């Protein structure tokens, strides 16, 4: 298992319900693969980059078809 696979697995384990975030991380890691192959000392930097700086949580109240109020959580990274 490569260093990039390990980093990706940590991201998936930390945020299991964020498939869009996983896809974005995977694409960035794939693009950085040649850089890390030439400079493996940058792996710790990549680990820090995939950790979001800020995470905004908010609630989204709505009324379903039967008139019941539902509340979902939303996230912005």
Protein backbone atom coordinates (compact mmCIF):
# COMPACT_ATOMS: atom_id res chain seq x y z
CA UNK A 1 0.00 0.00 0.00
CA UNK A 2 1.42 3.37 -0.98
CA UNK A 3 1.62 6.44 1.22
CA UNK A 4 -1.16 8.06 -0.82
CA UNK A 5 -3.44 5.07 -0.27
CA UNK A 6 -2.79 5.31 3.47
CA UNK A 7 -3.64 9.02 3.49
CA UNK A 8 -6.81 8.39 1.49
CA UNK A 9 -7.88 5.57 3.82
CA UNK A 10 -7.45 7.90 6.82
CA UNK A 11 -9.66 10.52 5.14
CA UNK A 12 -12.38 7.95 4.41
CA UNK A 13 -12.24 6.61 7.98
CA UNK A 14 -12.42 10.13 9.45
CA UNK A 15 -15.34 11.32 7.27
CA UNK A 16 -17.16 8.16 6.09
CA UNK A 17 -20.33 9.91 4.90
CA UNK A 18 -18.70 12.47 2.57
CA UNK A 19 -18.30 10.78 -0.85
CA UNK A 20 -17.85 14.09 -2.70
CA UNK A 21 -15.00 15.03 -0.37
CA UNK A 22 -13.47 11.58 -0.86
CA UNK A 23 -13.60 12.03 -4.63
CA UNK A 24 -11.92 15.44 -4.42
CA UNK A 25 -9.18 14.12 -2.15
CA UNK A 26 -8.61 11.10 -4.41
CA UNK A 27 -8.22 13.31 -7.49
CA UNK A 28 -5.77 15.63 -5.74
CA UNK A 29 -3.75 12.71 -4.39
CA UNK A 30 -3.58 11.14 -7.86
CA UNK A 31 -2.28 14.41 -9.30
CA UNK A 32 0.38 14.61 -6.55
CA UNK A 33 1.60 11.04 -7.06
CA UNK A 34 4.60 11.97 -9.28
CA UNK A 35 5.66 14.69 -6.82
CA UNK A 36 5.58 12.32 -3.86
CA UNK A 37 7.39 9.62 -5.83
CA UNK A 38 10.25 12.06 -6.37
CA UNK A 39 10.02 13.70 -2.92
CA UNK A 40 8.62 11.30 -0.29
CA UNK A 41 9.48 13.77 2.48
CA UNK A 42 6.41 15.81 1.43
CA UNK A 43 3.98 13.10 2.59
CA UNK A 44 3.48 14.85 5.94
CA UNK A 45 2.54 18.06 4.11
CA UNK A 46 -0.07 16.21 2.06
CA UNK A 47 -1.57 14.74 5.25
CA UNK A 48 -2.05 18.28 6.59
CA UNK A 49 -3.54 19.54 3.32
CA UNK A 50 -6.35 16.96 3.27
CA UNK A 51 -7.54 18.12 6.71
CA UNK A 52 -10.13 20.90 6.14
CA UNK A 53 -9.30 24.31 7.62
CA UNK A 54 -12.87 24.98 8.57
CA UNK A 55 -16.08 23.08 8.58
CA UNK A 56 -19.43 24.86 8.74
CA UNK A 57 -22.39 22.89 10.06
CA UNK A 58 -25.92 24.14 9.58
CA UNK A 59 -29.43 22.78 9.85
CA UNK A 60 -31.97 22.66 7.06
CA UNK A 61 -35.56 22.49 8.33
CA UNK A 62 -38.23 21.49 5.81
CA UNK A 63 -41.79 20.18 5.70
CA UNK A 64 -42.41 16.77 4.15
CA UNK A 65 -45.47 15.72 2.13
CA UNK A 66 -47.39 14.70 5.26
CA UNK A 67 -46.89 18.12 6.89
CA UNK A 68 -44.23 16.95 9.36
CA UNK A 69 -41.26 19.19 9.98
CA UNK A 70 -37.97 17.47 9.21
CA UNK A 71 -34.48 18.72 10.03
CA UNK A 72 -31.38 17.72 8.10
CA UNK A 73 -27.80 18.72 8.72
CA UNK A 74 -25.75 20.44 6.08
CA UNK A 75 -21.99 20.88 5.83
CA UNK A 76 -19.64 23.18 3.95
CA UNK A 77 -15.94 22.48 3.91
